[in-house]
C-alpha atoms as a PDB file:
ATOM      1  CA  UNK A   1      69.024 -58.149  -9.000  1.00  0.00           C
ATOM      2  CA  UNK A   2      66.521 -55.647  -9.880  1.00  0.00           C
ATOM      3  CA  UNK A   3      67.655 -53.013 -12.380  1.00  0.00           C
ATOM      4  CA  UNK A   4      66.969 -49.839 -11.232  1.00  0.00           C
ATOM      5  CA  UNK A   5      64.842 -47.350 -12.546  1.00  0.00           C
ATOM      6  CA  UNK A   6      65.325 -43.985 -13.772  1.00  0.00           C
ATOM      7  CA  UNK A   7      65.841 -41.575 -10.908  1.00  0.00           C
ATOM      8  CA  UNK A   8      63.328 -38.911 -10.281  1.00  0.00           C
ATOM      9  CA  UNK A   9      63.620 -35.454 -11.284  1.00  0.00           C
ATOM     10  CA  UNK A  10      60.939 -33.853  -8.749  1.00  0.00           C
ATOM     11  CA  UNK A  11      59.053 -32.895 -12.500  1.00  0.00           C
ATOM     12  CA  UNK A  12      56.230 -33.728 -14.169  1.00  0.00           C
ATOM     13  CA  UNK A  13      56.951 -35.847 -17.368  1.00  0.00           C
ATOM     14  CA  UNK A  14      55.094 -33.612 -20.211  1.00  0.00           C
ATOM     15  CA  UNK A  15      53.845 -36.297 -23.018  1.00  0.00           C
ATOM     16  CA  UNK A  16      55.497 -35.843 -26.252  1.00  0.00           C
ATOM     17  CA  UNK A  17      53.731 -33.404 -28.666  1.00  0.00           C
ATOM     18  CA  UNK A  18      52.127 -31.563 -25.548  1.00  0.00           C
ATOM     19  CA  UNK A  19      53.040 -27.962 -24.126  1.00  0.00           C
ATOM     20  CA  UNK A  20      53.243 -27.714 -20.064  1.00  0.00           C
ATOM     21  CA  UNK A  21      50.110 -25.522 -18.866  1.00  0.00           C
ATOM     22  CA  UNK A  22      53.018 -23.117 -17.192  1.00  0.00           C
ATOM     23  CA  UNK A  23      54.568 -22.620 -21.149  1.00  0.00           C
ATOM     24  CA  UNK A  24      51.368 -22.796 -22.299  1.00  0.00           C
ATOM     25  CA  UNK A  25      50.376 -19.571 -19.952  1.00  0.00           C
ATOM     26  CA  UNK A  26      53.247 -17.900 -20.261  1.00  0.00           C
ATOM     27  CA  UNK A  27      53.318 -18.169 -24.180  1.00  0.00           C
ATOM     28  CA  UNK A  28      49.276 -16.713 -24.039  1.00  0.00           C
ATOM     29  CA  UNK A  29      50.533 -13.877 -22.392  1.00  0.00           C
ATOM     30  CA  UNK A  30      53.700 -13.136 -24.342  1.00  0.00           C
ATOM     31  CA  UNK A  31      51.545 -13.008 -27.295  1.00  0.00           C
ATOM     32  CA  UNK A  32      48.425 -10.748 -25.694  1.00  0.00           C
ATOM     33  CA  UNK A  33      51.597  -8.331 -24.818  1.00  0.00           C
ATOM     34  CA  UNK A  34      52.462  -8.607 -28.282  1.00  0.00           C
ATOM     35  CA  UNK A  35      49.449  -7.704 -29.387  1.00  0.00           C
ATOM     36  CA  UNK A  36      48.949  -5.087 -27.035  1.00  0.00           C
ATOM     37  CA  UNK A  37      52.022  -3.189 -28.253  1.00  0.00           C
ATOM     38  CA  UNK A  38      50.765  -3.216 -31.903  1.00  0.00           C
ATOM     39  CA  UNK A  39      47.367  -2.153 -31.295  1.00  0.00           C
ATOM     40  CA  UNK A  40      49.159   0.962 -28.964  1.00  0.00           C
ATOM     41  CA  UNK A  41      51.510   1.228 -31.603  1.00  0.00           C
ATOM     42  CA  UNK A  42      49.135   1.314 -34.906  1.00  0.00           C
ATOM     43  CA  UNK A  43      46.464   3.539 -32.789  1.00  0.00           C
ATOM     44  CA  UNK A  44      49.497   5.881 -31.587  1.00  0.00           C
ATOM     45  CA  UNK A  45      50.044   6.199 -35.599  1.00  0.00           C
ATOM     46  CA  UNK A  46      45.979   7.038 -36.105  1.00  0.00           C
ATOM     47  CA  UNK A  47      46.251  10.004 -33.637  1.00  0.00           C
ATOM     48  CA  UNK A  48      49.036  11.210 -34.850  1.00  0.00           C
ATOM     49  CA  UNK A  49      47.420  11.616 -38.438  1.00  0.00           C
ATOM     50  CA  UNK A  50      44.048  12.547 -37.225  1.00  0.00           C
ATOM     51  CA  UNK A  51      45.906  15.386 -35.558  1.00  0.00           C
ATOM     52  CA  UNK A  52      47.956  15.962 -38.909  1.00  0.00           C
ATOM     53  CA  UNK A  53      44.523  15.799 -40.649  1.00  0.00           C
ATOM     54  CA  UNK A  54      43.088  18.747 -37.901  1.00  0.00           C
ATOM     55  CA  UNK A  55      46.126  21.194 -38.121  1.00  0.00           C
ATOM     56  CA  UNK A  56      45.798  21.312 -41.655  1.00  0.00           C
ATOM     57  CA  UNK A  57      41.772  21.371 -42.106  1.00  0.00           C
ATOM     58  CA  UNK A  58      41.542  18.495 -44.076  1.00  0.00           C
ATOM     59  CA  UNK A  59      39.394  17.465 -40.997  1.00  0.00           C
ATOM     60  CA  UNK A  60      36.844  20.518 -41.335  1.00  0.00           C
ATOM     61  CA  UNK A  61      35.315  21.954 -38.621  1.00  0.00           C
ATOM     62  CA  UNK A  62      31.486  21.039 -37.930  1.00  0.00           C
ATOM     63  CA  UNK A  63      31.601  18.225 -39.911  1.00  0.00           C
ATOM     64  CA  UNK A  64      30.964  14.588 -38.426  1.00  0.00           C
ATOM     65  CA  UNK A  65      33.226  11.814 -39.405  1.00  0.00           C
ATOM     66  CA  UNK A  66      32.164   8.258 -38.822  1.00  0.00           C
ATOM     67  CA  UNK A  67      35.246   5.289 -37.788  1.00  0.00           C
ATOM     68  CA  UNK A  68      34.516   2.878 -40.103  1.00  0.00           C
ATOM     69  CA  UNK A  69      34.927   5.304 -42.871  1.00  0.00           C
ATOM     70  CA  UNK A  70      38.575   7.325 -41.505  1.00  0.00           C
ATOM     71  CA  UNK A  71      39.428   3.938 -40.970  1.00  0.00           C
ATOM     72  CA  UNK A  72      38.749   2.876 -44.514  1.00  0.00           C
ATOM     73  CA  UNK A  73      40.628   6.562 -45.473  1.00  0.00           C
ATOM     74  CA  UNK A  74      43.969   5.579 -43.317  1.00  0.00           C
ATOM     75  CA  UNK A  75      43.532   2.125 -44.409  1.00  0.00           C
ATOM     76  CA  UNK A  76      43.075   0.686 -40.607  1.00  0.00           C
ATOM     77  CA  UNK A  77      40.115  -0.967 -38.615  1.00  0.00           C
ATOM     78  CA  UNK A  78      38.006   1.711 -37.301  1.00  0.00           C
ATOM     79  CA  UNK A  79      39.048   0.051 -33.183  1.00  0.00           C
ATOM     80  CA  UNK A  80      42.603   2.420 -33.114  1.00  0.00           C
ATOM     81  CA  UNK A  81      40.374   5.054 -34.653  1.00  0.00           C
ATOM     82  CA  UNK A  82      37.896   4.762 -32.575  1.00  0.00           C
ATOM     83  CA  UNK A  83      39.797   5.043 -29.469  1.00  0.00           C
ATOM     84  CA  UNK A  84      42.005   7.861 -31.082  1.00  0.00           C
ATOM     85  CA  UNK A  85      39.394   9.969 -31.478  1.00  0.00           C
ATOM     86  CA  UNK A  86      38.223   9.250 -27.870  1.00  0.00           C
ATOM     87  CA  UNK A  87      41.391  10.821 -26.506  1.00  0.00           C
ATOM     88  CA  UNK A  88      40.901  13.832 -29.297  1.00  0.00           C
ATOM     89  CA  UNK A  89      37.450  14.181 -27.625  1.00  0.00           C
ATOM     90  CA  UNK A  90      39.363  14.175 -24.490  1.00  0.00           C
ATOM     91  CA  UNK A  91      41.729  16.893 -25.590  1.00  0.00           C
ATOM     92  CA  UNK A  92      38.705  19.282 -26.522  1.00  0.00           C
ATOM     93  CA  UNK A  93      39.126  18.778 -30.344  1.00  0.00           C
ATOM     94  CA  UNK A  94      35.903  16.527 -31.189  1.00  0.00           C
ATOM     95  CA  UNK A  95      32.695  16.148 -29.793  1.00  0.00           C
ATOM     96  CA  UNK A  96      31.180  11.884 -29.779  1.00  0.00           C
ATOM     97  CA  UNK A  97      28.344  11.997 -31.900  1.00  0.00           C
ATOM     98  CA  UNK A  98      25.727   9.188 -30.645  1.00  0.00           C
ATOM     99  CA  UNK A  99      25.184   6.858 -33.411  1.00  0.00           C
ATOM    100  CA  UNK A 100      27.042   8.975 -36.060  1.00  0.00           C
ATOM    101  CA  UNK A 101      30.658   9.086 -34.951  1.00  0.00           C
ATOM    102  CA  UNK A 102      33.044  11.933 -34.194  1.00  0.00           C
ATOM    103  CA  UNK A 103      32.324  15.960 -35.140  1.00  0.00           C
ATOM    104  CA  UNK A 104      35.332  18.253 -35.334  1.00  0.00           C
ATOM    105  CA  UNK A 105      34.470  21.215 -32.747  1.00  0.00           C
ATOM    106  CA  UNK A 106      34.424  24.315 -33.758  1.00  0.00           C
ATOM    107  CA  UNK A 107      36.439  27.698 -32.665  1.00  0.00           C
ATOM    108  CA  UNK A 108      36.725  30.817 -32.737  1.00  0.00           C
ATOM    109  CA  UNK A 109      39.158  33.495 -33.208  1.00  0.00           C
ATOM    110  CA  UNK A 110      38.447  34.751 -29.838  1.00  0.00           C
ATOM    111  CA  UNK A 111      39.450  30.981 -28.182  1.00  0.00           C
ATOM    112  CA  UNK A 112      42.162  31.402 -29.956  1.00  0.00           C
ATOM    113  CA  UNK A 113      43.226  34.917 -28.747  1.00  0.00           C
ATOM    114  CA  UNK A 114      42.178  33.577 -25.193  1.00  0.00           C
ATOM    115  CA  UNK A 115      44.621  30.965 -25.777  1.00  0.00           C
ATOM    116  CA  UNK A 116      47.488  33.368 -26.702  1.00  0.00           C
ATOM    117  CA  UNK A 117      46.830  35.070 -23.552  1.00  0.00           C
ATOM    118  CA  UNK A 118      47.271  32.044 -21.449  1.00  0.00           C
ATOM    119  CA  UNK A 119      49.940  30.330 -23.067  1.00  0.00           C
ATOM    120  CA  UNK A 120      51.810  33.710 -21.979  1.00  0.00           C
ATOM    121  CA  UNK A 121      50.689  34.330 -18.742  1.00  0.00           C
ATOM    122  CA  UNK A 122      52.288  30.515 -18.178  1.00  0.00           C
ATOM    123  CA  UNK A 123      55.274  30.428 -20.385  1.00  0.00           C
ATOM    124  CA  UNK A 124      56.743  34.117 -20.076  1.00  0.00           C
ATOM    125  CA  UNK A 125      57.154  34.049 -16.676  1.00  0.00           C
ATOM    126  CA  UNK A 126      59.341  30.744 -16.918  1.00  0.00           C
ATOM    127  CA  UNK A 127      61.312  31.817 -19.309  1.00  0.00           C
ATOM    128  CA  UNK A 128      62.384  35.252 -17.945  1.00  0.00           C
ATOM    129  CA  UNK A 129      63.059  32.799 -14.765  1.00  0.00           C
ATOM    130  CA  UNK A 130      65.106  30.469 -16.529  1.00  0.00           C
ATOM    131  CA  UNK A 131      67.312  33.226 -18.329  1.00  0.00           C
ATOM    132  CA  UNK A 132      68.180  34.747 -15.201  1.00  0.00           C
ATOM    133  CA  UNK A 133      69.350  31.194 -14.188  1.00  0.00           C
ATOM    134  CA  UNK A 134      70.603  29.050 -17.252  1.00  0.00           C
ATOM    135  CA  UNK A 135      73.793  29.968 -18.842  1.00  0.00           C
ATOM    136  CA  UNK A 136      74.406  30.565 -22.615  1.00  0.00           C
ATOM    137  CA  UNK A 137      75.676  27.376 -23.635  1.00  0.00           C
ATOM    138  CA  UNK A 138      72.074  25.872 -22.294  1.00  0.00           C
ATOM    139  CA  UNK A 139      70.226  27.699 -25.134  1.00  0.00           C
ATOM    140  CA  UNK A 140      73.045  27.257 -27.790  1.00  0.00           C
ATOM    141  CA  UNK A 141      72.115  23.214 -27.095  1.00  0.00           C
ATOM    142  CA  UNK A 142      68.787  24.259 -27.964  1.00  0.00           C
ATOM    143  CA  UNK A 143      69.850  25.920 -31.661  1.00  0.00           C
ATOM    144  CA  UNK A 144      69.338  22.665 -33.773  1.00  0.00           C
ATOM    145  CA  UNK A 145      65.768  22.461 -32.474  1.00  0.00           C
ATOM    146  CA  UNK A 146      65.372  26.347 -33.539  1.00  0.00           C
ATOM    147  CA  UNK A 147      66.903  25.239 -36.729  1.00  0.00           C
ATOM    148  CA  UNK A 148      64.628  22.395 -37.366  1.00  0.00           C
ATOM    149  CA  UNK A 149      61.661  24.532 -37.198  1.00  0.00           C
ATOM    150  CA  UNK A 150      63.767  26.793 -39.620  1.00  0.00           C
ATOM    151  CA  UNK A 151      63.752  24.093 -42.096  1.00  0.00           C
ATOM    152  CA  UNK A 152      60.039  23.297 -42.416  1.00  0.00           C
ATOM    153  CA  UNK A 153      59.136  26.707 -42.826  1.00  0.00           C
ATOM    154  CA  UNK A 154      61.487  26.993 -45.718  1.00  0.00           C
ATOM    155  CA  UNK A 155      59.898  24.016 -47.062  1.00  0.00           C
ATOM    156  CA  UNK A 156      56.531  25.417 -46.464  1.00  0.00           C
ATOM    157  CA  UNK A 157      55.577  22.608 -45.294  1.00  0.00           C
ATOM    158  CA  UNK A 158      52.916  23.256 -41.978  1.00  0.00           C
ATOM    159  CA  UNK A 159      52.555  20.202 -40.056  1.00  0.00           C
ATOM    160  CA  UNK A 160      56.059  19.447 -39.891  1.00  0.00           C
ATOM    161  CA  UNK A 161      56.983  22.751 -38.553  1.00  0.00           C
ATOM    162  CA  UNK A 162      53.994  22.476 -36.027  1.00  0.00           C
ATOM    163  CA  UNK A 163      55.624  19.695 -34.376  1.00  0.00           C
ATOM    164  CA  UNK A 164      59.068  21.302 -34.339  1.00  0.00           C
ATOM    165  CA  UNK A 165      57.662  24.126 -33.021  1.00  0.00           C
ATOM    166  CA  UNK A 166      56.171  22.586 -30.101  1.00  0.00           C
ATOM    167  CA  UNK A 167      59.448  20.437 -29.506  1.00  0.00           C
ATOM    168  CA  UNK A 168      60.912  23.838 -29.592  1.00  0.00           C
ATOM    169  CA  UNK A 169      58.860  25.021 -26.737  1.00  0.00           C
ATOM    170  CA  UNK A 170      58.478  21.888 -25.095  1.00  0.00           C
ATOM    171  CA  UNK A 171      62.914  21.557 -24.764  1.00  0.00           C
ATOM    172  CA  UNK A 172      62.694  25.225 -23.082  1.00  0.00           C
ATOM    173  CA  UNK A 173      60.074  24.264 -20.844  1.00  0.00           C
ATOM    174  CA  UNK A 174      61.846  21.353 -19.646  1.00  0.00           C
ATOM    175  CA  UNK A 175      64.288  23.036 -18.501  1.00  0.00           C
ATOM    176  CA  UNK A 176      62.422  24.519 -15.615  1.00  0.00           C
ATOM    177  CA  UNK A 177      61.746  20.668 -14.213  1.00  0.00           C
ATOM    178  CA  UNK A 178      58.296  20.951 -13.601  1.00  0.00           C
ATOM    179  CA  UNK A 179      56.637  18.063 -15.453  1.00  0.00           C
ATOM    180  CA  UNK A 180      53.171  18.769 -14.513  1.00  0.00           C
ATOM    181  CA  UNK A 181      54.122  22.431 -16.444  1.00  0.00           C
ATOM    182  CA  UNK A 182      54.987  20.896 -19.767  1.00  0.00           C
ATOM    183  CA  UNK A 183      51.559  19.117 -19.912  1.00  0.00           C
ATOM    184  CA  UNK A 184      49.831  21.958 -19.691  1.00  0.00           C
ATOM    185  CA  UNK A 185      51.697  24.308 -21.715  1.00  0.00           C
ATOM    186  CA  UNK A 186      51.725  21.526 -24.303  1.00  0.00           C
ATOM    187  CA  UNK A 187      48.230  20.479 -24.567  1.00  0.00           C
ATOM    188  CA  UNK A 188      47.461  24.626 -24.954  1.00  0.00           C
ATOM    189  CA  UNK A 189      49.970  24.577 -27.530  1.00  0.00           C
ATOM    190  CA  UNK A 190      48.276  22.057 -29.330  1.00  0.00           C
ATOM    191  CA  UNK A 191      44.956  23.334 -28.987  1.00  0.00           C
ATOM    192  CA  UNK A 192      46.272  26.359 -30.491  1.00  0.00           C
ATOM    193  CA  UNK A 193      46.792  24.815 -33.460  1.00  0.00           C
ATOM    194  CA  UNK A 194      43.240  23.846 -34.500  1.00  0.00           C
ATOM    195  CA  UNK A 195      41.773  25.360 -37.375  1.00  0.00           C
ATOM    196  CA  UNK A 196      39.103  28.137 -36.632  1.00  0.00           C
ATOM    197  CA  UNK A 197      35.439  27.338 -37.273  1.00  0.00           C
ATOM    198  CA  UNK A 198      35.822  29.495 -40.674  1.00  0.00           C
ATOM    199  CA  UNK A 199      38.745  26.840 -41.977  1.00  0.00           C
ATOM    200  CA  UNK A 200      42.210  26.730 -41.350  1.00  0.00           C
ATOM    201  CA  UNK A 201      44.305  29.708 -41.357  1.00  0.00           C
ATOM    202  CA  UNK A 202      46.140  29.428 -44.791  1.00  0.00           C
ATOM    203  CA  UNK A 203      49.478  30.612 -43.551  1.00  0.00           C
ATOM    204  CA  UNK A 204      52.065  31.843 -46.167  1.00  0.00           C
ATOM    205  CA  UNK A 205      55.726  30.291 -46.363  1.00  0.00           C
ATOM    206  CA  UNK A 206      56.878  33.823 -45.628  1.00  0.00           C
ATOM    207  CA  UNK A 207      54.581  34.482 -42.497  1.00  0.00           C
ATOM    208  CA  UNK A 208      56.182  30.401 -40.978  1.00  0.00           C
ATOM    209  CA  UNK A 209      59.721  31.912 -41.801  1.00  0.00           C
ATOM    210  CA  UNK A 210      59.636  34.892 -39.968  1.00  0.00           C
ATOM    211  CA  UNK A 211      57.888  33.049 -37.260  1.00  0.00           C
ATOM    212  CA  UNK A 212      60.691  30.296 -36.898  1.00  0.00           C
ATOM    213  CA  UNK A 213      63.439  33.341 -36.976  1.00  0.00           C
ATOM    214  CA  UNK A 214      61.869  34.358 -33.554  1.00  0.00           C
ATOM    215  CA  UNK A 215      62.818  31.061 -32.132  1.00  0.00           C
ATOM    216  CA  UNK A 216      66.494  32.060 -33.126  1.00  0.00           C
ATOM    217  CA  UNK A 217      66.315  35.273 -31.744  1.00  0.00           C
ATOM    218  CA  UNK A 218      64.674  34.329 -28.787  1.00  0.00           C
ATOM    219  CA  UNK A 219      67.642  31.991 -28.188  1.00  0.00           C
ATOM    220  CA  UNK A 220      69.542  34.917 -28.280  1.00  0.00           C
ATOM    221  CA  UNK A 221      67.504  37.260 -25.955  1.00  0.00           C
ATOM    222  CA  UNK A 222      67.755  34.249 -23.615  1.00  0.00           C
ATOM    223  CA  UNK A 223      71.350  33.896 -23.716  1.00  0.00           C
ATOM    224  CA  UNK A 224      71.963  37.752 -23.303  1.00  0.00           C
ATOM    225  CA  UNK A 225      69.884  37.283 -20.238  1.00  0.00           C
ATOM    226  CA  UNK A 226      67.793  40.422 -21.994  1.00  0.00           C
ATOM    227  CA  UNK A 227      64.725  40.041 -19.976  1.00  0.00           C
ATOM    228  CA  UNK A 228      62.453  43.224 -21.712  1.00  0.00           C
ATOM    229  CA  UNK A 229      63.621  41.015 -25.666  1.00  0.00           C
ATOM    230  CA  UNK A 230      62.369  37.497 -24.140  1.00  0.00           C
ATOM    231  CA  UNK A 231      59.115  38.453 -22.863  1.00  0.00           C
ATOM    232  CA  UNK A 232      57.827  40.554 -25.997  1.00  0.00           C
ATOM    233  CA  UNK A 233      59.038  38.294 -28.368  1.00  0.00           C
ATOM    234  CA  UNK A 234      56.964  35.383 -26.256  1.00  0.00           C
ATOM    235  CA  UNK A 235      54.042  37.432 -26.254  1.00  0.00           C
ATOM    236  CA  UNK A 236      54.258  38.519 -29.886  1.00  0.00           C
ATOM    237  CA  UNK A 237      54.942  34.844 -31.480  1.00  0.00           C
ATOM    238  CA  UNK A 238      52.187  33.417 -29.157  1.00  0.00           C
ATOM    239  CA  UNK A 239      49.997  36.277 -31.017  1.00  0.00           C
ATOM    240  CA  UNK A 240      51.187  36.050 -34.313  1.00  0.00           C
ATOM    241  CA  UNK A 241      50.522  32.012 -34.159  1.00  0.00           C
END
């Protein structure tokens, strides 16, 4: 009697040492996804480093910087620098100079004043509405963010202060539930932090401490629903900044 062979499994046998085409495709896609995540992470880190260099004045207004030179300074290749610079160009922080690199935008004091005016027109009405609608305990929840700005100011850490300042304002505006408002306000806030054409404004530690104190005062006014003080504090905060 003839011995029965192995029962069919419905799958194509895989020769020893070879990977199925489907598996190879999945592995390739997985590795591509991993590379994309790593690349995005590096680009994000480079973007934040360049933004900090803009705020500090390390990247001087009017100067042209090449992606390879900046990449060497940051210890990365030119590609993530170029991608980050393209994002900064989209934000208006730099200008593309063909075959040379990127020129840091030069801003006047008038532009800074215009930004402060626009921010006040946008944020003051929102904060007044929130003062009427939000309970006092809501503002108490934001005090840790105000304390972060105060801690950065006490250290004289300008880069940390501007990040904490943006986080504080974003947290307040987020209560309005308007995503487009957050995007526009954050863009205006970031632009207001770039240095003037004459170079960065060297703010004393005492000035930063005074600015940070305004955050706590603003929360107090919001909790007390003191609309007049809320409007005055926000306008003065933008102008002084």
